[in-house]
Protein backbone atom coordinates (compact mmCIF):
# COMPACT_ATOMS: atom_id res chain seq x y z
CA MET A 1 40.85 208.41 132.94
CA LYS A 2 38.93 206.60 135.67
CA SER A 3 41.60 207.63 138.20
CA LYS A 4 41.21 211.28 137.18
CA ILE A 5 37.42 211.17 137.55
CA PHE A 6 37.74 209.57 140.97
CA SER A 7 40.24 212.24 142.07
CA ILE A 8 37.94 215.05 140.99
CA PHE A 9 35.02 213.46 142.85
CA LEU A 10 37.14 212.95 145.99
CA ILE A 11 38.23 216.59 145.95
CA PHE A 12 34.58 217.70 145.61
CA VAL A 13 33.51 215.52 148.55
CA LEU A 14 36.32 216.81 150.77
CA LEU A 15 35.52 220.40 149.80
CA PHE A 16 31.83 219.83 150.61
CA VAL A 17 31.96 218.10 153.97
CA SER A 18 35.31 218.84 155.57
CA PRO A 19 35.26 221.52 158.29
CA LEU A 20 38.88 222.33 157.35
CA THR A 21 37.68 223.70 154.01
CA ALA A 22 34.64 225.68 155.21
CA PHE A 23 35.62 228.82 153.29
CA ALA A 24 32.07 230.16 153.73
CA GLU A 25 32.79 230.33 157.46
CA GLY A 26 29.30 229.23 158.36
CA ASP A 27 28.38 229.43 162.02
CA GLY A 28 25.75 226.88 162.97
CA ASN A 29 23.29 227.97 165.63
CA ILE A 30 21.84 224.46 165.89
CA ASP A 31 21.43 221.79 168.55
CA ASN A 32 19.34 218.65 168.62
CA GLY A 33 17.81 215.88 170.71
CA GLY A 34 15.20 213.17 170.44
CA GLY A 35 14.13 209.91 172.00
CA GLY A 36 12.77 206.47 171.40
CA MET A 37 10.19 205.74 168.74
CA GLY A 38 6.86 203.96 169.11
CA ASN A 39 5.58 201.17 166.90
CA GLY A 40 3.88 202.13 163.64
CA THR A 41 0.86 200.62 161.96
CA SER A 42 -0.03 200.00 158.33
CA GLN A 43 -1.91 203.31 158.28
CA ASN A 44 0.42 205.43 160.42
CA SER A 45 4.15 204.89 160.08
CA TRP A 46 7.54 206.46 159.47
CA ILE A 47 10.66 204.80 158.15
CA PRO A 48 13.87 206.19 159.75
CA GLY A 49 15.90 208.12 157.21
CA ASN A 50 12.82 209.50 155.44
CA ASP A 51 13.76 213.05 156.27
CA GLY A 52 15.09 216.22 154.74
CA VAL A 53 15.73 219.91 155.40
CA ARG A 54 13.90 222.99 154.18
CA VAL A 55 16.34 225.83 153.52
CA THR A 56 15.24 229.46 153.44
CA ILE A 57 17.59 232.37 152.77
CA ILE A 58 16.92 235.27 155.16
CA ASP A 59 17.97 238.89 154.65
CA THR A 60 19.75 239.85 157.89
CA GLN A 61 18.70 243.50 157.60
CA THR A 62 14.98 242.96 157.15
CA GLY A 63 14.61 239.47 158.66
CA LYS A 64 12.54 238.50 155.61
CA PRO A 65 12.83 235.43 153.36
CA VAL A 66 14.54 235.85 150.01
CA GLY A 67 13.06 233.78 147.21
CA THR A 68 11.20 230.50 147.63
CA PRO A 69 12.43 227.94 150.19
CA ILE A 70 13.96 224.72 148.86
CA ASP A 71 13.53 221.23 150.31
CA TYR A 72 16.62 218.98 150.24
CA THR A 73 16.35 215.23 150.81
CA ASN A 74 18.23 212.03 150.04
CA GLN A 75 14.92 210.27 149.42
CA SER A 76 12.60 210.27 146.42
CA PRO A 77 9.25 211.42 147.86
CA SER A 78 6.24 210.76 145.70
CA VAL A 79 5.21 213.84 143.77
CA ASN A 80 1.68 213.03 144.90
CA ILE A 81 2.31 213.35 148.63
CA VAL A 82 0.24 215.80 150.66
CA HIS A 83 2.33 218.80 151.73
CA PHE A 84 1.85 222.47 152.59
CA GLY A 85 3.86 224.22 149.90
CA LYS A 86 7.12 226.04 150.47
CA LYS A 87 6.63 228.16 153.58
CA SER A 88 9.14 228.69 156.36
CA LYS A 89 8.68 229.24 160.05
CA ILE A 90 9.05 232.96 159.35
CA HIS A 91 6.26 232.90 156.76
CA TYR A 92 3.92 231.29 159.32
CA ARG A 93 5.03 233.70 162.04
CA ASN A 94 4.22 236.57 159.69
CA GLY A 95 0.65 235.38 159.18
CA SER A 96 0.72 232.71 156.44
CA GLN A 97 -1.93 230.05 156.88
CA LEU A 98 -1.57 226.29 156.54
CA SER A 99 -2.72 225.31 153.03
CA PRO A 100 -2.65 221.58 152.13
CA VAL A 101 -1.53 220.71 148.60
CA MET A 102 -2.04 217.34 146.91
CA GLY A 103 0.88 216.51 144.63
CA SER A 104 3.28 218.73 142.66
CA TYR A 105 5.87 218.36 145.43
CA GLN A 106 9.22 219.86 144.45
CA TYR A 107 12.51 218.87 146.08
CA HIS A 108 16.25 218.86 145.38
CA SER A 109 18.55 215.85 145.69
CA PRO A 110 21.94 217.08 146.97
CA ALA A 111 25.06 215.87 145.13
CA VAL A 112 26.53 214.88 148.48
CA SER A 113 23.98 213.12 150.68
CA LEU A 114 22.59 214.84 153.76
CA PRO A 115 23.55 213.36 157.12
CA ARG A 116 20.79 211.75 159.17
CA ILE A 117 18.54 214.63 160.29
CA ILE A 118 15.90 212.99 162.53
CA SER A 119 16.86 210.55 165.26
CA SER A 120 15.06 207.23 165.61
CA GLY A 121 14.97 204.67 168.39
CA SER A 122 18.01 202.87 167.00
CA VAL A 123 20.01 205.65 165.34
CA SER A 124 20.76 209.11 166.74
CA ALA A 125 21.33 211.99 164.36
CA SER A 126 24.70 213.68 164.86
CA ILE A 127 24.42 217.41 165.43
CA GLU A 128 28.11 217.78 164.58
CA ALA A 129 27.56 216.07 161.23
CA ILE A 130 24.58 218.37 160.53
CA LYS A 131 26.63 221.47 161.44
CA ASN A 132 29.63 220.36 159.38
CA TYR A 133 27.40 219.75 156.38
CA PHE A 134 25.40 222.99 156.36
CA CYS A 135 28.27 225.20 157.52
CA SER A 136 30.54 223.89 154.77
CA ASP A 137 31.74 225.73 151.71
CA GLY A 138 30.16 223.07 149.51
CA ALA A 139 26.71 223.49 151.03
CA ALA A 140 26.89 227.26 150.61
CA ARG A 141 27.83 226.84 146.94
CA MET A 142 25.03 224.33 146.36
CA ILE A 143 22.42 226.54 148.02
CA ALA A 144 23.65 229.68 146.23
CA ASN A 145 23.46 227.87 142.90
CA ASP A 146 19.96 226.49 143.59
CA PHE A 147 18.65 229.90 144.71
CA ASP A 148 20.32 231.56 141.71
CA ILE A 149 22.46 233.99 143.66
CA SER A 150 26.24 234.20 143.76
CA PHE A 151 28.23 232.35 146.39
CA GLU A 152 30.01 235.60 147.29
CA GLN A 153 26.69 237.40 147.79
CA LEU A 154 25.32 234.64 150.00
CA THR A 155 28.35 234.54 152.29
CA THR A 156 29.13 238.25 152.73
CA GLY A 157 27.16 238.38 155.98
CA ASN A 158 24.03 239.93 154.49
CA TYR A 159 22.15 236.62 154.58
CA LYS A 160 21.48 233.72 156.92
CA LEU A 161 20.17 230.23 156.28
CA LEU A 162 17.06 229.12 158.13
CA LEU A 163 17.03 225.31 158.34
CA GLU A 164 13.92 223.27 159.18
CA PRO A 165 13.86 219.46 159.42
CA ILE A 166 11.23 217.70 157.29
CA ALA A 167 9.68 214.25 157.85
CA TYR A 168 8.05 212.10 155.16
CA PHE A 169 5.58 209.63 156.68
CA LYS A 170 2.23 207.92 156.32
CA TYR A 171 -0.72 209.28 158.30
CA GLN A 172 -4.16 207.68 158.03
CA GLY A 173 -2.90 205.83 154.98
CA ILE A 174 -1.81 209.04 153.18
CA GLN A 175 1.81 209.89 152.38
CA MET A 176 2.66 213.31 153.81
CA GLY A 177 5.65 215.62 154.12
CA MET A 178 5.93 218.48 156.62
CA THR A 179 8.19 220.50 158.88
CA ALA A 180 7.82 220.44 162.66
CA HIS A 181 6.05 223.81 162.61
CA GLU A 182 3.58 222.56 160.00
CA ALA A 183 2.99 219.35 161.98
CA ALA A 184 2.07 221.40 165.06
CA LEU A 185 -0.29 223.62 163.07
CA TYR A 186 -1.83 220.58 161.38
CA ASP A 187 -2.32 218.82 164.71
CA GLN A 188 -4.23 221.86 165.98
CA ILE A 189 -6.55 221.56 162.99
CA GLN A 190 -6.84 217.81 163.61
CA ASN A 191 -7.72 218.44 167.30
CA GLY A 192 -4.80 216.26 168.38
CA GLY A 193 -5.39 213.55 165.79
CA LEU A 194 -1.86 213.66 164.35
CA ARG A 195 -0.30 213.61 167.79
CA SER A 196 -2.39 210.63 168.86
CA LYS A 197 -1.03 208.52 165.97
CA MET A 198 2.47 209.88 165.32
CA VAL A 199 3.52 211.52 168.60
CA SER A 200 7.06 210.10 168.79
CA LEU A 201 7.85 211.50 165.34
CA THR A 202 5.82 214.68 164.95
CA HIS A 203 5.95 215.89 168.57
CA GLN A 204 9.32 214.58 169.70
CA ASN A 205 12.03 213.55 167.24
CA LEU A 206 11.06 215.89 164.37
CA PRO A 207 10.85 219.13 166.42
CA LEU A 208 13.87 218.19 168.54
CA ALA A 209 15.93 217.45 165.43
CA MET A 210 16.94 221.13 165.45
CA PHE A 211 16.60 224.00 167.90
CA LEU A 212 18.53 227.18 168.63
CA GLU A 213 21.38 227.45 171.10
CA ARG A 214 20.97 231.23 171.17
CA SER A 215 18.16 233.56 170.10
CA ASP A 216 18.24 234.79 166.52
CA LEU A 217 15.92 236.12 163.79
CA GLY A 218 13.30 236.78 166.44
CA PHE A 219 13.18 233.14 167.56
CA PRO A 220 14.12 232.30 171.17
CA ALA A 221 16.74 229.77 172.16
CA TRP A 222 15.46 226.48 173.58
CA ASN A 223 16.63 225.79 177.13
CA GLY A 224 14.20 222.97 177.83
CA SER A 225 14.70 219.23 177.68
CA SER A 226 16.29 217.71 174.57
CA SER A 227 14.01 214.69 174.88
CA GLY A 228 10.36 214.02 175.56
CA ARG A 229 7.16 214.85 173.76
CA GLN A 230 6.45 218.52 173.16
CA SER A 231 3.25 220.54 172.86
CA ASN A 232 2.13 222.30 169.70
CA THR A 233 2.72 225.69 171.30
CA THR A 234 6.28 224.81 172.30
CA ILE A 235 7.05 223.50 168.82
CA ILE A 236 5.63 226.60 167.13
CA THR A 237 7.55 228.94 169.42
CA TYR A 238 10.88 227.19 169.98
CA LEU A 239 11.56 224.03 168.01
CA GLY A 240 12.22 222.66 164.55
CA LEU A 241 14.79 225.19 163.29
CA GLY A 242 18.47 225.93 163.00
CA ILE A 243 20.29 229.00 161.67
CA VAL A 244 23.57 229.26 159.77
CA SER A 245 25.29 232.66 159.77
CA TYR A 246 28.25 233.71 157.68
CA LYS A 247 31.19 236.01 158.41
CA ASP A 248 30.42 239.59 159.36
CA ALA A 249 26.72 238.81 159.80
CA SER A 250 25.20 241.48 161.99
CA PRO A 251 23.13 240.30 164.95
CA THR A 252 19.40 240.47 164.34
CA ASP A 253 18.47 240.38 168.01
CA PRO A 254 19.57 242.94 170.63
CA VAL A 255 22.11 241.56 173.06
CA ASP A 256 21.15 243.74 176.00
CA THR A 257 17.37 243.25 175.97
CA SER A 258 15.07 240.35 175.22
CA ILE A 259 12.11 242.38 173.97
CA GLU A 260 11.10 245.94 173.11
CA TYR A 261 7.83 247.54 174.18
CA ARG A 262 6.34 250.99 173.61
CA THR A 263 5.68 253.45 176.46
CA ASN A 264 2.28 253.47 178.18
CA THR A 265 1.11 250.34 176.37
CA GLN A 266 -0.77 247.30 177.62
CA VAL A 267 1.34 244.26 176.74
CA ILE A 268 1.43 240.53 177.37
CA THR A 269 4.68 238.90 178.43
CA ALA A 270 4.69 235.13 177.97
CA VAL A 271 7.02 232.21 178.65
CA THR A 272 6.54 228.45 178.39
CA LEU A 273 5.98 226.24 181.43
CA ASN A 274 7.21 222.67 180.88
CA THR A 275 6.76 219.64 183.10
CA THR A 276 7.97 216.05 183.23
CA LYS A 277 5.34 215.15 185.82
CA GLU A 278 1.59 215.62 185.76
CA ILE A 279 0.36 218.90 187.23
CA ASN A 280 -3.31 218.44 188.08
CA PRO A 281 -6.03 220.34 190.00
CA ASP A 282 -5.03 218.63 193.25
CA GLY A 283 -1.76 220.53 193.12
CA PRO A 284 -1.88 223.14 190.34
CA ALA A 285 1.03 225.30 189.29
CA THR A 286 1.35 229.01 189.91
CA VAL A 287 3.66 231.20 187.87
CA THR A 288 4.76 234.54 189.30
CA PHE A 289 5.95 237.48 187.20
CA ASN A 290 7.91 240.23 188.95
CA VAL A 291 7.76 243.17 186.54
CA GLY A 292 10.04 245.85 187.90
CA GLY A 293 8.74 245.23 191.41
CA ASN A 294 5.07 244.72 190.47
CA ILE A 295 3.82 241.17 191.04
CA TYR A 296 1.49 239.33 188.65
CA THR A 297 0.44 235.70 189.02
CA MET A 298 -1.15 233.08 186.81
CA SER A 299 -2.59 230.29 188.92
CA ASN A 300 -4.54 227.04 188.67
CA ILE A 301 -2.34 225.85 185.81
CA VAL A 302 -2.66 222.17 184.94
CA ILE A 303 -0.51 220.30 182.42
CA PRO A 304 -0.30 216.58 181.64
CA GLU A 305 2.95 214.66 182.03
CA GLY A 306 5.63 215.63 179.53
CA GLU A 307 3.69 218.58 178.13
CA SER A 308 3.94 222.38 178.24
CA GLN A 309 1.87 225.52 178.00
CA LEU A 310 2.31 229.25 177.49
CA VAL A 311 1.91 231.24 180.69
CA TRP A 312 1.73 235.01 180.79
CA CYS A 313 0.95 238.26 182.52
CA LYS A 314 -0.82 241.33 181.18
CA TRP A 315 0.63 244.65 182.31
CA THR A 316 1.03 248.29 181.29
CA THR A 317 4.44 249.68 180.44
CA PRO A 318 5.78 252.87 182.07
CA SER A 319 5.11 256.25 180.49
CA THR A 320 8.82 257.05 180.13
CA GLU A 321 11.70 255.31 178.38
CA GLN A 322 13.59 252.86 180.57
CA ASN A 323 14.73 249.25 180.88
CA VAL A 324 12.57 246.87 182.93
CA THR A 325 13.75 243.52 184.24
CA ILE A 326 11.09 240.82 184.48
CA THR A 327 11.76 237.73 186.58
CA VAL A 328 9.55 234.66 186.32
CA SER A 329 9.25 231.80 188.82
CA THR A 330 7.06 228.74 189.25
CA ASN A 331 6.23 226.32 192.05
CA LYS A 332 6.09 223.37 189.63
CA GLY A 333 7.71 222.39 186.36
CA TYR A 334 10.40 224.46 184.69
CA LEU A 335 10.26 227.65 182.62
CA SER A 336 11.72 228.44 179.22
CA GLU A 337 12.97 231.74 180.59
CA ASN A 338 13.45 233.07 184.10
CA VAL A 339 14.67 236.57 183.28
CA ILE A 340 13.40 238.90 180.53
CA LYS A 341 14.98 242.30 179.95
CA ALA A 342 12.50 244.66 178.35
CA LYS A 343 13.41 247.94 176.70
CA ILE A 344 10.66 250.57 176.86
CA VAL A 345 10.87 253.09 174.00
CA ASP A 346 9.01 256.32 173.22
CA LEU A 347 8.00 256.57 169.55
CA ASP A 348 6.78 260.17 169.87
CA LYS A 349 10.27 261.68 169.62
CA ASN A 350 10.88 262.26 165.92
CA PRO A 351 7.99 264.26 164.41
CA PRO A 352 8.83 266.01 161.13
CA PRO A 353 10.10 269.61 161.29
CA ASP A 354 8.10 272.59 160.09
CA PRO A 355 8.10 272.59 156.25
CA THR A 356 8.76 275.91 154.54
CA ALA A 357 7.98 277.34 151.13
CA LYS A 358 11.72 277.52 150.38
CA ASP A 359 12.38 273.81 150.87
CA ARG A 360 13.81 272.04 147.81
CA ASN A 361 14.80 268.53 146.82
CA ASP A 362 15.63 268.60 143.13
CA GLY A 363 17.12 265.09 143.00
CA PHE A 364 14.24 263.37 144.75
CA LYS A 365 13.28 259.84 143.73
CA ALA A 366 10.34 258.04 145.28
CA PRO A 367 11.67 255.41 147.73
CA SER A 368 10.37 251.88 148.15
CA ILE A 369 7.61 251.29 150.67
CA PRO A 370 8.88 249.60 153.86
CA ASN A 371 7.76 246.07 154.56
CA LYS A 372 8.38 245.27 158.21
CA ASN A 373 7.79 241.92 159.79
CA GLN A 374 4.09 241.55 160.37
CA LYS A 375 2.02 238.93 162.13
CA THR A 376 -1.72 239.05 161.61
CA TYR A 377 -2.79 235.70 163.11
CA ALA A 378 -1.86 233.70 166.20
CA THR A 379 -3.03 230.58 168.04
CA TRP A 380 -2.36 229.26 171.52
CA SER A 381 -3.91 226.74 173.86
CA VAL A 382 -4.64 226.22 177.55
CA TRP A 383 -4.84 222.87 179.32
CA TRP A 384 -7.70 221.93 181.62
CA ALA A 385 -8.48 218.69 183.44
CA LYS A 386 -11.53 216.72 184.44
CA TRP A 387 -11.66 213.88 186.95
CA HIS A 388 -12.37 210.47 185.44
CA PRO A 389 -13.93 208.33 188.22
CA TYR A 390 -13.05 204.63 188.33
CA TRP A 391 -14.64 202.88 191.30
CA VAL A 392 -12.90 199.83 192.68
CA TRP A 393 -14.25 197.54 195.44
CA ILE A 394 -11.70 196.99 198.19
CA SER A 395 -12.48 193.68 199.86
CA ASP A 396 -12.07 193.17 203.63
CA TRP A 397 -13.10 189.61 204.49
CA ASP A 398 -13.99 188.78 208.10
CA TRP A 399 -15.02 185.39 209.57
CA CYS A 400 -18.39 185.46 211.26
CA ASP A 401 -18.47 182.69 213.86
CA HIS A 402 -21.89 181.29 214.85
CA GLY A 403 -20.81 178.44 217.10
CA GLU A 404 -21.11 175.21 215.13
CA TRP A 405 -21.14 177.04 211.88
CA GLY A 406 -19.91 180.34 210.44
CA HIS A 407 -19.26 182.18 207.22
CA TRP A 408 -17.09 184.84 205.65
CA VAL A 409 -18.37 188.40 205.33
CA ASP A 410 -16.87 190.97 202.99
CA ASN A 411 -16.86 194.25 204.92
CA GLY A 412 -15.10 196.06 202.12
CA TRP A 413 -15.75 199.45 200.59
CA TRP A 414 -15.71 201.30 197.30
CA GLU A 415 -12.73 203.49 196.43
CA ASP A 416 -12.40 205.86 193.51
CA HIS A 417 -9.16 204.95 191.75
CA GLY A 418 -9.78 207.36 188.92
CA TRP A 419 -7.50 209.80 187.18
CA TYR A 420 -7.50 213.16 185.49
CA ASP A 421 -8.26 213.44 181.78
CA PHE A 422 -6.63 216.46 180.16
CA PHE A 423 -8.11 218.62 177.42
CA THR A 424 -7.06 221.78 175.61
CA ASP A 425 -8.95 224.92 174.75
CA VAL A 426 -7.44 226.34 171.56
CA TYR A 427 -7.70 230.09 171.05
CA SER A 428 -6.89 232.27 168.08
CA ALA A 429 -6.68 235.95 167.22
CA SER A 430 -6.46 237.89 163.97
CA LEU A 431 -5.78 241.50 163.04
CA THR A 432 -7.01 243.40 160.00
CA ALA A 433 -6.48 247.10 159.37
CA SER A 434 -6.67 249.83 156.75
CA SER A 435 -5.22 253.29 156.21
CA ASN A 436 -7.14 256.02 154.41
CA ILE A 437 -5.07 259.00 153.23
CA THR A 438 -7.14 262.00 152.13
CA PRO A 439 -6.47 265.70 151.47
CA ASP A 440 -7.00 267.88 154.50
CA SER A 441 -10.23 269.91 154.53
CA LYS A 442 -8.16 273.13 154.43
CA SER A 443 -6.80 272.23 150.98
CA PRO A 444 -9.09 274.52 148.91
CA THR A 445 -8.71 272.92 145.48
CA ALA A 446 -8.44 269.25 146.45
CA THR A 447 -10.76 266.50 145.30
CA ASP A 448 -11.31 263.10 146.91
CA LYS A 449 -7.83 261.72 146.16
CA THR A 450 -6.04 264.56 144.33
CA MET A 451 -4.41 267.66 145.76
CA LYS A 452 -1.63 270.12 145.17
CA SER A 453 1.68 269.74 146.98
CA GLY A 454 2.29 271.85 150.06
CA TYR A 455 -1.14 271.23 151.56
CA GLY A 456 -1.94 268.88 154.42
CA ILE A 457 -3.15 265.31 154.38
CA ASN A 458 -5.15 263.29 156.90
CA ASN A 459 -4.72 259.65 157.84
CA LYS A 460 -7.52 257.58 159.35
CA VAL A 461 -6.45 254.10 160.41
CA GLN A 462 -9.08 251.51 161.24
CA THR A 463 -8.05 248.29 163.00
CA ASN A 464 -10.16 245.25 163.77
CA PHE A 465 -8.95 242.66 166.23
CA SER A 466 -11.00 239.48 166.59
CA SER A 467 -10.37 236.60 168.96
CA SER A 468 -12.02 233.62 170.61
CA ALA A 469 -10.09 234.24 173.83
CA PRO A 470 -11.08 235.96 177.10
CA SER A 471 -10.02 239.57 177.51
CA SER A 472 -7.28 238.52 179.97
CA HIS A 473 -5.48 236.90 177.00
CA ILE A 474 -5.53 239.79 174.53
CA THR A 475 -5.39 243.48 173.71
CA GLY A 476 -6.57 245.40 170.68
CA ALA A 477 -4.14 247.36 168.50
CA GLN A 478 -2.71 250.29 170.45
CA THR A 479 -0.05 251.89 168.29
CA ALA A 480 0.16 253.22 164.75
CA VAL A 481 3.14 255.07 163.29
CA SER A 482 3.26 256.78 159.87
CA CYS A 483 6.37 257.43 157.77
CA PHE A 484 6.66 259.64 154.69
CA PRO A 485 8.35 259.46 151.29
CA GLU A 486 10.12 262.85 151.54
CA PHE A 487 12.15 261.36 154.42
CA SER A 488 12.66 258.02 152.62
CA TYR A 489 10.30 256.56 155.23
CA GLU A 490 13.07 257.09 157.80
CA THR A 491 14.48 259.85 160.01
CA TYR A 492 11.10 261.37 160.95
CA TRP A 493 7.70 259.82 161.62
CA ARG A 494 4.41 260.57 163.32
CA LEU A 495 2.97 258.58 166.22
CA LEU A 496 -0.79 258.64 165.67
CA ASP A 497 -3.42 259.40 168.31
CA ARG A 498 -5.71 256.52 169.27
CA THR A 499 -9.08 258.21 168.90
CA VAL A 500 -11.15 255.07 169.52
CA ASN A 501 -10.01 252.35 171.94
CA GLY A 502 -10.81 248.66 172.05
CA TYR A 503 -10.77 245.83 169.54
CA SER A 504 -11.90 248.18 166.74
CA ALA A 505 -9.39 250.90 167.52
CA GLN A 506 -9.05 253.95 165.30
CA PHE A 507 -6.07 256.27 164.85
CA GLU A 508 -5.46 259.71 163.37
CA PHE A 509 -2.54 262.12 163.16
CA LYS A 510 -1.96 264.19 166.26
CA VAL A 511 -2.83 267.88 166.00
CA ASN A 512 -0.04 269.47 163.96
CA PRO A 513 1.65 272.26 165.98
CA TYR A 514 2.46 274.06 162.70
CA SER A 515 -1.16 274.07 161.54
CA THR A 516 -2.82 277.48 161.76
CA TYR A 517 -6.20 275.79 162.17
CA ARG A 518 -4.96 273.06 164.57
CA GLN A 519 -5.67 270.34 162.03
CA ARG A 520 -4.82 266.64 162.45
CA CYS A 521 -2.64 266.74 159.38
CA HIS A 522 0.78 266.25 157.87
CA PHE A 523 1.99 268.82 155.36
CA SER A 524 3.29 267.45 152.08
CA PRO A 525 6.43 269.28 150.89
CA VAL A 526 5.77 271.99 148.35
CA TRP A 527 8.54 270.58 146.12
CA TYR A 528 6.98 267.10 145.90
CA PRO A 529 6.67 266.07 142.22
CA ASN A 530 3.42 265.12 140.52
CA GLY A 531 2.33 261.53 141.09
CA GLN A 532 1.52 259.38 144.07
CA TYR A 533 2.33 260.66 147.54
CA ARG A 534 2.21 257.39 149.49
CA VAL A 535 2.24 257.18 153.29
CA TYR A 536 3.39 254.04 155.09
CA THR A 537 1.77 253.13 158.44
CA TYR A 538 2.67 250.32 160.80
CA ALA A 539 -0.14 249.21 163.13
CA GLN A 540 1.03 247.19 166.12
CA ASP A 541 0.70 246.34 169.82
CA ALA A 542 -2.24 243.97 169.45
CA TRP A 543 -1.01 241.42 172.00
CA THR A 544 -1.69 237.73 172.57
CA PRO A 545 0.14 235.09 174.62
CA ALA A 546 1.58 233.86 171.29
CA GLY A 547 3.07 237.27 170.52
CA MET A 548 2.18 240.66 169.10
CA LEU A 549 0.03 241.08 166.02
CA SER A 550 0.98 243.85 163.60
CA MET A 551 0.30 244.93 160.03
CA ASN A 552 1.90 246.97 157.24
CA LEU A 553 -0.43 249.57 155.72
CA SER A 554 -0.16 252.20 153.02
CA ASP A 555 -2.34 254.58 151.08
CA TYR A 556 -1.82 257.66 148.92
CA VAL A 557 -3.10 260.84 147.39
CA ASN A 558 -2.24 262.04 143.90
CA ILE A 559 -0.18 265.20 143.64
CA SER A 560 -1.00 267.46 140.71
CA GLY A 561 0.58 270.90 140.82
CA SER A 562 1.57 272.89 143.91
CA LEU A 563 -0.07 275.35 146.22
CA TYR A 564 1.62 278.17 144.22
CA ASP A 565 -0.89 277.38 141.47
CA ASP A 566 -3.62 278.60 143.78
CA TRP A 567 -2.01 281.99 144.31
CA HIS A 568 -3.52 284.94 142.42
CA ILE A 569 -1.64 288.21 142.04
CA ALA A 570 -3.83 291.21 141.35
CA PRO A 571 -2.90 294.88 140.94
CA LYS A 572 -3.21 297.03 144.02
CA GLN A 573 -6.42 299.08 143.96
């Protein structure tokens, strides 16, 4: 009996970890690095091996998380540790805020232990072991079971796994658990306090435990050093994640272009400048952007040794669709990207056709409202330096001879042997917006929010962009696009006019060419059934160095009856 139990366990282990039995055909887009560790203290310490992985299932079509992320670890973290809940890098990118939680920490203990995830000074984590583990058939079955979906559904290619390394450590005497992304956000709140105490863990070995070999899910590949201490901005943008794809998974990033912009739009293109040597005001860095032949520069950049910073240019896209190649160069340090291929698209190409009184759609069912990726908050930082004087006396002793007697005289001088102290200015930006759908003024029997089908509606979109940064860092929202239920929020849409510019931009429908009175309206179909007629609007192109801010909006009017109800037939006099 014991022999049988052992055989079953052995088969399970081989099924779980062997790459020869990876029936899920997981493809691991993961690499890693790290470096030596510093010495801890009684109040600030980390024990190697106190790590784990947060797993989030991502829908490949929408790029959105499915369900609640799960933390896996071989350890037994105290349920009373301080953590930040179950949010992934995508949740934070989409606007979630850091929210500390005391206790109630939930985790899963895998049946087969995780490999070492975070390197330490004495033990390096094996990226091959990590790939073999999470790309295995056994891992896929465990994750599918824990997320309560079928193994077959998980591995059809419709989903990907987002992996994020987690560290459990003591900071200021408090036990904490966090991902690399959360550590970077927390350090920003702490004004560098976490980094000053736990830099080798939170800003080196934890973020470098996983990074992408190729861009995916909207996250760029990391081409920088696989060792050394990293800045908060670099960690938030590039580090602390891996992605597992399964067979037939469709790519979520275009292969021919790096980024997509809208026509005639002011945008910000940013890359990361890294350095292994100090760049100070005596010899600052200059980064040059060549945008389709137009030159933009960012100068007087200073960065301390081993750090990095976002660098960017602000420019206006062409008024016609085209591809633009952007090359980036620097006189010091090294860049995360040297070539960016931008695709410029025109959104004003698919307005709805002219509706007619004979249109019908007897089998219509109201579709679900779209929910695109949105990002309503962003932070970034800029280094600056100040000279720290340190005067040192340089002695130069000379003998002064006075015949029978003499003495030594110090003819030295003072020299400033000081250095540069580096500081960061942290900036942030947030976007709020609203859409207000109302019956058009030419709808004769409409009330505030109720109208008959077949008449027009208006859409007034109000955006508010707030930021602590200079205007050279940011733009207000510049684009709003509305989609409609009769087209399943696809096929046709309306690009709105920006009627008020700036950080409190406003948008309305363009003048409808089919409107007799030249109204800024969209005509609801005469066949639309009674109930809510809900319009979806996506506000976007509010740019920062840390990316574009955008927001999903929707509002509705109630349909009750049709315009035929307003017709009156009278006998001819």
